Amino acid sequence: MCRTLAAFPNTCLERAKEFKTRLGIFLHKSDLGSNTGSIGKFEWSSKHGKEKNFSEDVLGWRESFDLLLSSKNGVAAFHAFLKTEFSEENLEFWLACEEFKKIRSATKLASRAHRIFEEFICSEAPKEVNIDHETRELTRMNLQAATATCFDTAQGKTRTLMEKDSYPRFLKSPAYRDLAAQASAASAPLSSCSLAEPSHT
């Protein structure tokens, strides 16, 4: 244990725990745990690893949309934000497409393609995404011989919509700005502190 942490037990570790708790509250508002769909596996876990890496993860979300999407915590936080805007279907569709591309069985590929189409693409789908008629029809035709790329056009347009529209608002949201401020404050002292939990706790 470093001297800084020993001398000030309520600074480094407590600040790190505080912003982790803040993210937990932020994500809890989205009721991610009750969602059994494609987003479920991206639930935030408090056992993220080193606190320094966690704060860097949070701060990295504002660097680029790609960094946000590559972070499980970022995806979960962004999903929580989108739920407040009633547009979470865009991210859920994007994630479903990412998982879809990993399928290797032709039979499973065709079956999953139709489920995704029925859930997100077809007119009056339960989670219909905002795409133009031409893209919807192109995707419908692609399903006649489903391949790993049959949703690429629709996925790309949905991603662009999120990046240009929802992502900037996410970065300006009070929840993220507060979280980023705490991460910034925590990252400096954490760099010189040992964050191993005491063995007796």
C-alpha atoms as a PDB file:
ATOM      1  CA  MET A   1       0.000   0.000   0.000  1.00  0.00           C
ATOM      2  CA  CYS A   2       1.434   3.365  -0.963  1.00  0.00           C
ATOM      3  CA  ARG A   3       1.939   6.172   1.537  1.00  0.00           C
ATOM      4  CA  THR A   4      -0.642   8.367  -0.175  1.00  0.00           C
ATOM      5  CA  LEU A   5      -3.369   5.804   0.260  1.00  0.00           C
ATOM      6  CA  ALA A   6      -2.287   4.975   3.815  1.00  0.00           C
ATOM      7  CA  ALA A   7      -2.278   8.630   4.842  1.00  0.00           C
ATOM      8  CA  PHE A   8      -5.516   9.544   3.070  1.00  0.00           C
ATOM      9  CA  PRO A   9      -7.729   6.433   3.043  1.00  0.00           C
ATOM     10  CA  ASN A  10     -10.762   8.452   1.982  1.00  0.00           C
ATOM     11  CA  THR A  11      -9.247  10.081  -1.105  1.00  0.00           C
ATOM     12  CA  CYS A  12      -8.060   7.773  -3.878  1.00  0.00           C
ATOM     13  CA  LEU A  13     -10.081   4.666  -3.163  1.00  0.00           C
ATOM     14  CA  GLU A  14     -13.223   6.440  -2.017  1.00  0.00           C
ATOM     15  CA  ARG A  15     -13.256   8.748  -5.034  1.00  0.00           C
ATOM     16  CA  ALA A  16     -12.873   5.799  -7.375  1.00  0.00           C
ATOM     17  CA  LYS A  17     -15.695   3.947  -5.633  1.00  0.00           C
ATOM     18  CA  GLU A  18     -17.848   7.067  -5.814  1.00  0.00           C
ATOM     19  CA  PHE A  19     -17.732   7.405  -9.580  1.00  0.00           C
ATOM     20  CA  LYS A  20     -18.178   3.665 -10.045  1.00  0.00           C
ATOM     21  CA  THR A  21     -21.293   3.948  -7.889  1.00  0.00           C
ATOM     22  CA  ARG A  22     -22.423   6.905  -9.992  1.00  0.00           C
ATOM     23  CA  LEU A  23     -22.129   4.818 -13.165  1.00  0.00           C
ATOM     24  CA  GLY A  24     -23.987   2.008 -11.468  1.00  0.00           C
ATOM     25  CA  ILE A  25     -26.869   4.349 -10.658  1.00  0.00           C
ATOM     26  CA  PHE A  26     -26.763   5.756 -14.189  1.00  0.00           C
ATOM     27  CA  LEU A  27     -27.044   2.290 -15.680  1.00  0.00           C
ATOM     28  CA  HIS A  28     -29.580   1.064 -13.146  1.00  0.00           C
ATOM     29  CA  LYS A  29     -32.016   3.678 -14.420  1.00  0.00           C
ATOM     30  CA  SER A  30     -32.118   1.860 -17.745  1.00  0.00           C
ATOM     31  CA  ASP A  31     -33.174  -1.432 -16.114  1.00  0.00           C
ATOM     32  CA  LEU A  32     -30.610  -3.290 -18.198  1.00  0.00           C
ATOM     33  CA  GLY A  33     -30.932  -6.355 -16.026  1.00  0.00           C
ATOM     34  CA  SER A  34     -34.555  -6.841 -17.052  1.00  0.00           C
ATOM     35  CA  ASN A  35     -33.740  -6.844 -20.755  1.00  0.00           C
ATOM     36  CA  THR A  36     -33.318 -10.373 -22.070  1.00  0.00           C
ATOM     37  CA  GLY A  37     -32.505  -9.290 -25.611  1.00  0.00           C
ATOM     38  CA  SER A  38     -29.211  -8.702 -27.367  1.00  0.00           C
ATOM     39  CA  ILE A  39     -28.156  -5.954 -24.969  1.00  0.00           C
ATOM     40  CA  GLY A  40     -28.141  -8.251 -21.933  1.00  0.00           C
ATOM     41  CA  LYS A  41     -24.573  -9.447 -22.287  1.00  0.00           C
ATOM     42  CA  PHE A  42     -23.325  -5.859 -22.229  1.00  0.00           C
ATOM     43  CA  GLU A  43     -24.456  -5.160 -18.672  1.00  0.00           C
ATOM     44  CA  TRP A  44     -21.945  -3.198 -16.636  1.00  0.00           C
ATOM     45  CA  SER A  45     -19.978  -5.175 -14.099  1.00  0.00           C
ATOM     46  CA  SER A  46     -18.474  -3.570 -11.012  1.00  0.00           C
ATOM     47  CA  LYS A  47     -15.561  -6.000 -11.254  1.00  0.00           C
ATOM     48  CA  HIS A  48     -13.992  -4.134 -14.128  1.00  0.00           C
ATOM     49  CA  GLY A  49     -10.396  -4.483 -13.025  1.00  0.00           C
ATOM     50  CA  LYS A  50      -7.986  -1.745 -12.041  1.00  0.00           C
ATOM     51  CA  GLU A  51      -9.611   1.551 -11.138  1.00  0.00           C
ATOM     52  CA  LYS A  52      -7.183   3.517 -13.288  1.00  0.00           C
ATOM     53  CA  ASN A  53      -8.262   1.545 -16.353  1.00  0.00           C
ATOM     54  CA  PHE A  54     -11.887   2.133 -15.440  1.00  0.00           C
ATOM     55  CA  SER A  55     -11.479   5.911 -15.268  1.00  0.00           C
ATOM     56  CA  GLU A  56      -9.546   5.914 -18.551  1.00  0.00           C
ATOM     57  CA  ASP A  57     -12.375   3.896 -20.080  1.00  0.00           C
ATOM     58  CA  VAL A  58     -14.958   6.499 -19.017  1.00  0.00           C
ATOM     59  CA  LEU A  59     -12.834   9.395 -20.313  1.00  0.00           C
ATOM     60  CA  GLY A  60     -12.169   7.570 -23.577  1.00  0.00           C
ATOM     61  CA  TRP A  61     -15.847   7.583 -24.515  1.00  0.00           C
ATOM     62  CA  ARG A  62     -15.633  11.266 -25.472  1.00  0.00           C
ATOM     63  CA  GLU A  63     -12.629  10.723 -27.744  1.00  0.00           C
ATOM     64  CA  SER A  64     -14.584   8.940 -30.460  1.00  0.00           C
ATOM     65  CA  PHE A  65     -17.781   7.029 -31.074  1.00  0.00           C
ATOM     66  CA  ASP A  66     -15.683   3.965 -31.958  1.00  0.00           C
ATOM     67  CA  LEU A  67     -14.085   3.993 -28.496  1.00  0.00           C
ATOM     68  CA  LEU A  68     -17.511   4.202 -26.904  1.00  0.00           C
ATOM     69  CA  LEU A  69     -18.795   1.235 -28.916  1.00  0.00           C
ATOM     70  CA  SER A  70     -15.672  -0.806 -28.156  1.00  0.00           C
ATOM     71  CA  SER A  71     -16.224  -0.436 -24.403  1.00  0.00           C
ATOM     72  CA  LYS A  72     -18.747  -2.700 -22.695  1.00  0.00           C
ATOM     73  CA  ASN A  73     -19.231  -0.065 -20.012  1.00  0.00           C
ATOM     74  CA  GLY A  74     -19.602   2.588 -22.709  1.00  0.00           C
ATOM     75  CA  VAL A  75     -22.201   0.566 -24.601  1.00  0.00           C
ATOM     76  CA  ALA A  76     -24.181   0.016 -21.406  1.00  0.00           C
ATOM     77  CA  ALA A  77     -24.009   3.703 -20.425  1.00  0.00           C
ATOM     78  CA  PHE A  78     -24.966   4.833 -23.934  1.00  0.00           C
ATOM     79  CA  HIS A  79     -27.871   2.379 -23.920  1.00  0.00           C
ATOM     80  CA  ALA A  80     -29.050   3.824 -20.602  1.00  0.00           C
ATOM     81  CA  PHE A  81     -28.937   7.303 -22.126  1.00  0.00           C
ATOM     82  CA  LEU A  82     -30.782   6.235 -25.287  1.00  0.00           C
ATOM     83  CA  LYS A  83     -33.561   4.773 -23.153  1.00  0.00           C
ATOM     84  CA  THR A  84     -34.149   8.242 -21.713  1.00  0.00           C
ATOM     85  CA  GLU A  85     -34.662   9.435 -25.301  1.00  0.00           C
ATOM     86  CA  PHE A  86     -36.738   6.401 -26.293  1.00  0.00           C
ATOM     87  CA  SER A  87     -34.292   5.515 -29.076  1.00  0.00           C
ATOM     88  CA  GLU A  88     -32.482   2.500 -27.629  1.00  0.00           C
ATOM     89  CA  GLU A  89     -33.618   0.367 -30.577  1.00  0.00           C
ATOM     90  CA  ASN A  90     -30.866   1.907 -32.727  1.00  0.00           C
ATOM     91  CA  LEU A  91     -28.082   0.625 -30.499  1.00  0.00           C
ATOM     92  CA  GLU A  92     -29.816  -2.704 -29.933  1.00  0.00           C
ATOM     93  CA  PHE A  93     -30.092  -3.205 -33.695  1.00  0.00           C
ATOM     94  CA  TRP A  94     -26.418  -2.301 -34.186  1.00  0.00           C
ATOM     95  CA  LEU A  95     -25.392  -4.781 -31.486  1.00  0.00           C
ATOM     96  CA  ALA A  96     -27.642  -7.478 -32.926  1.00  0.00           C
ATOM     97  CA  CYS A  97     -25.923  -6.992 -36.310  1.00  0.00           C
ATOM     98  CA  GLU A  98     -22.482  -7.290 -34.713  1.00  0.00           C
ATOM     99  CA  GLU A  99     -23.469 -10.597 -33.115  1.00  0.00           C
ATOM    100  CA  PHE A 100     -25.132 -11.725 -36.343  1.00  0.00           C
ATOM    101  CA  LYS A 101     -21.855 -11.345 -38.274  1.00  0.00           C
ATOM    102  CA  LYS A 102     -20.213 -13.896 -35.977  1.00  0.00           C
ATOM    103  CA  ILE A 103     -22.617 -16.698 -36.916  1.00  0.00           C
ATOM    104  CA  ARG A 104     -20.974 -19.377 -39.050  1.00  0.00           C
ATOM    105  CA  SER A 105     -23.872 -21.791 -39.591  1.00  0.00           C
ATOM    106  CA  ALA A 106     -25.861 -20.973 -42.756  1.00  0.00           C
ATOM    107  CA  THR A 107     -29.042 -22.322 -41.174  1.00  0.00           C
ATOM    108  CA  LYS A 108     -28.619 -20.237 -38.037  1.00  0.00           C
ATOM    109  CA  LEU A 109     -27.651 -17.222 -40.150  1.00  0.00           C
ATOM    110  CA  ALA A 110     -30.909 -17.361 -42.127  1.00  0.00           C
ATOM    111  CA  SER A 111     -33.018 -17.924 -39.017  1.00  0.00           C
ATOM    112  CA  ARG A 112     -31.369 -15.103 -37.078  1.00  0.00           C
ATOM    113  CA  ALA A 113     -31.581 -12.749 -40.088  1.00  0.00           C
ATOM    114  CA  HIS A 114     -35.350 -13.129 -40.211  1.00  0.00           C
ATOM    115  CA  ARG A 115     -35.656 -12.570 -36.452  1.00  0.00           C
ATOM    116  CA  ILE A 116     -33.619  -9.364 -36.680  1.00  0.00           C
ATOM    117  CA  PHE A 117     -35.678  -8.170 -39.631  1.00  0.00           C
ATOM    118  CA  GLU A 118     -38.956  -8.840 -37.827  1.00  0.00           C
ATOM    119  CA  GLU A 119     -37.726  -7.166 -34.641  1.00  0.00           C
ATOM    120  CA  PHE A 120     -36.073  -4.044 -36.087  1.00  0.00           C
ATOM    121  CA  ILE A 121     -36.640  -3.531 -39.822  1.00  0.00           C
ATOM    122  CA  CYS A 122     -40.088  -4.457 -41.052  1.00  0.00           C
ATOM    123  CA  SER A 123     -42.884  -1.917 -40.953  1.00  0.00           C
ATOM    124  CA  GLU A 124     -44.383  -1.654 -37.462  1.00  0.00           C
ATOM    125  CA  ALA A 125     -41.655  -3.865 -35.982  1.00  0.00           C
ATOM    126  CA  PRO A 126     -41.657  -3.817 -32.151  1.00  0.00           C
ATOM    127  CA  LYS A 127     -38.297  -2.018 -32.158  1.00  0.00           C
ATOM    128  CA  GLU A 128     -38.433  -0.421 -35.594  1.00  0.00           C
ATOM    129  CA  VAL A 129     -35.316   1.600 -36.433  1.00  0.00           C
ATOM    130  CA  ASN A 130     -35.454   4.852 -38.357  1.00  0.00           C
ATOM    131  CA  ILE A 131     -34.237   3.985 -41.869  1.00  0.00           C
ATOM    132  CA  ASP A 132     -35.463   5.031 -45.304  1.00  0.00           C
ATOM    133  CA  HIS A 133     -37.786   2.940 -47.462  1.00  0.00           C
ATOM    134  CA  GLU A 134     -35.043   2.060 -49.978  1.00  0.00           C
ATOM    135  CA  THR A 135     -32.782   0.654 -47.264  1.00  0.00           C
ATOM    136  CA  ARG A 136     -35.659  -1.319 -45.791  1.00  0.00           C
ATOM    137  CA  GLU A 137     -36.484  -2.864 -49.160  1.00  0.00           C
ATOM    138  CA  LEU A 138     -32.832  -3.592 -49.918  1.00  0.00           C
ATOM    139  CA  THR A 139     -32.535  -5.401 -46.609  1.00  0.00           C
ATOM    140  CA  ARG A 140     -35.717  -7.336 -47.311  1.00  0.00           C
ATOM    141  CA  MET A 141     -34.265  -8.541 -50.632  1.00  0.00           C
ATOM    142  CA  ASN A 142     -30.965  -9.448 -48.979  1.00  0.00           C
ATOM    143  CA  LEU A 143     -32.840 -11.859 -46.733  1.00  0.00           C
ATOM    144  CA  GLN A 144     -33.724 -14.042 -49.712  1.00  0.00           C
ATOM    145  CA  ALA A 145     -30.154 -15.319 -49.577  1.00  0.00           C
ATOM    146  CA  ALA A 146     -28.970 -14.273 -46.139  1.00  0.00           C
ATOM    147  CA  THR A 147     -25.253 -13.649 -45.684  1.00  0.00           C
ATOM    148  CA  ALA A 148     -23.234 -12.024 -42.891  1.00  0.00           C
ATOM    149  CA  THR A 149     -23.413  -8.721 -44.781  1.00  0.00           C
ATOM    150  CA  CYS A 150     -27.156  -8.553 -45.446  1.00  0.00           C
ATOM    151  CA  PHE A 151     -27.720  -5.864 -42.796  1.00  0.00           C
ATOM    152  CA  ASP A 152     -24.619  -3.785 -43.558  1.00  0.00           C
ATOM    153  CA  THR A 153     -26.428  -0.885 -45.243  1.00  0.00           C
ATOM    154  CA  ALA A 154     -29.105  -0.611 -42.567  1.00  0.00           C
ATOM    155  CA  GLN A 155     -26.551  -1.016 -39.784  1.00  0.00           C
ATOM    156  CA  GLY A 156     -24.329   1.658 -41.296  1.00  0.00           C
ATOM    157  CA  LYS A 157     -27.170   4.174 -41.547  1.00  0.00           C
ATOM    158  CA  THR A 158     -28.253   3.467 -37.990  1.00  0.00           C
ATOM    159  CA  ARG A 159     -24.694   3.903 -36.748  1.00  0.00           C
ATOM    160  CA  THR A 160     -24.358   7.227 -38.577  1.00  0.00           C
ATOM    161  CA  LEU A 161     -27.616   8.416 -37.058  1.00  0.00           C
ATOM    162  CA  MET A 162     -26.390   7.575 -33.548  1.00  0.00           C
ATOM    163  CA  GLU A 163     -22.963   9.121 -34.112  1.00  0.00           C
ATOM    164  CA  LYS A 164     -24.268  12.383 -35.569  1.00  0.00           C
ATOM    165  CA  ASP A 165     -27.360  12.767 -33.416  1.00  0.00           C
ATOM    166  CA  SER A 166     -27.458  10.810 -30.133  1.00  0.00           C
ATOM    167  CA  TYR A 167     -23.738  10.582 -29.324  1.00  0.00           C
ATOM    168  CA  PRO A 168     -23.134  14.373 -29.064  1.00  0.00           C
ATOM    169  CA  ARG A 169     -26.149  14.666 -26.742  1.00  0.00           C
ATOM    170  CA  PHE A 170     -24.845  11.771 -24.646  1.00  0.00           C
ATOM    171  CA  LEU A 171     -21.524  13.588 -24.158  1.00  0.00           C
ATOM    172  CA  LYS A 172     -23.377  16.751 -23.119  1.00  0.00           C
ATOM    173  CA  SER A 173     -25.745  14.938 -20.772  1.00  0.00           C
ATOM    174  CA  PRO A 174     -25.432  15.812 -17.064  1.00  0.00           C
ATOM    175  CA  ALA A 175     -24.992  12.132 -16.199  1.00  0.00           C
ATOM    176  CA  TYR A 176     -21.969  11.656 -18.470  1.00  0.00           C
ATOM    177  CA  ARG A 177     -20.410  15.047 -17.697  1.00  0.00           C
ATOM    178  CA  ASP A 178     -20.637  14.335 -13.992  1.00  0.00           C
ATOM    179  CA  LEU A 179     -19.202  10.867 -14.475  1.00  0.00           C
ATOM    180  CA  ALA A 180     -16.340  12.191 -16.633  1.00  0.00           C
ATOM    181  CA  ALA A 181     -15.536  14.879 -14.061  1.00  0.00           C
ATOM    182  CA  GLN A 182     -15.271  12.248 -11.349  1.00  0.00           C
ATOM    183  CA  ALA A 183     -13.147  10.040 -13.606  1.00  0.00           C
ATOM    184  CA  SER A 184     -10.806  12.961 -14.338  1.00  0.00           C
ATOM    185  CA  ALA A 185     -10.477  13.740 -10.649  1.00  0.00           C
ATOM    186  CA  ALA A 186      -9.830  10.114  -9.816  1.00  0.00           C
ATOM    187  CA  SER A 187      -7.328   9.382 -12.575  1.00  0.00           C
ATOM    188  CA  ALA A 188      -4.579  11.711 -11.305  1.00  0.00           C
ATOM    189  CA  PRO A 189      -4.301  10.503  -7.697  1.00  0.00           C
ATOM    190  CA  LEU A 190      -5.019   6.928  -8.720  1.00  0.00           C
ATOM    191  CA  SER A 191      -1.874   6.869 -10.816  1.00  0.00           C
ATOM    192  CA  SER A 192       0.212   6.952  -7.641  1.00  0.00           C
ATOM    193  CA  CYS A 193      -2.001   4.827  -5.444  1.00  0.00           C
ATOM    194  CA  SER A 194      -2.267   1.099  -4.908  1.00  0.00           C
ATOM    195  CA  LEU A 195      -5.914   0.183  -5.193  1.00  0.00           C
ATOM    196  CA  ALA A 196      -5.761  -3.354  -3.917  1.00  0.00           C
ATOM    197  CA  GLU A 197      -8.600  -3.926  -1.481  1.00  0.00           C
ATOM    198  CA  PRO A 198      -7.402  -4.602   2.097  1.00  0.00           C
ATOM    199  CA  SER A 199      -7.511  -8.308   2.801  1.00  0.00           C
ATOM    200  CA  HIS A 200      -9.737  -7.863   5.835  1.00  0.00           C
ATOM    201  CA  THR A 201     -12.596  -6.235   3.852  1.00  0.00           C
END
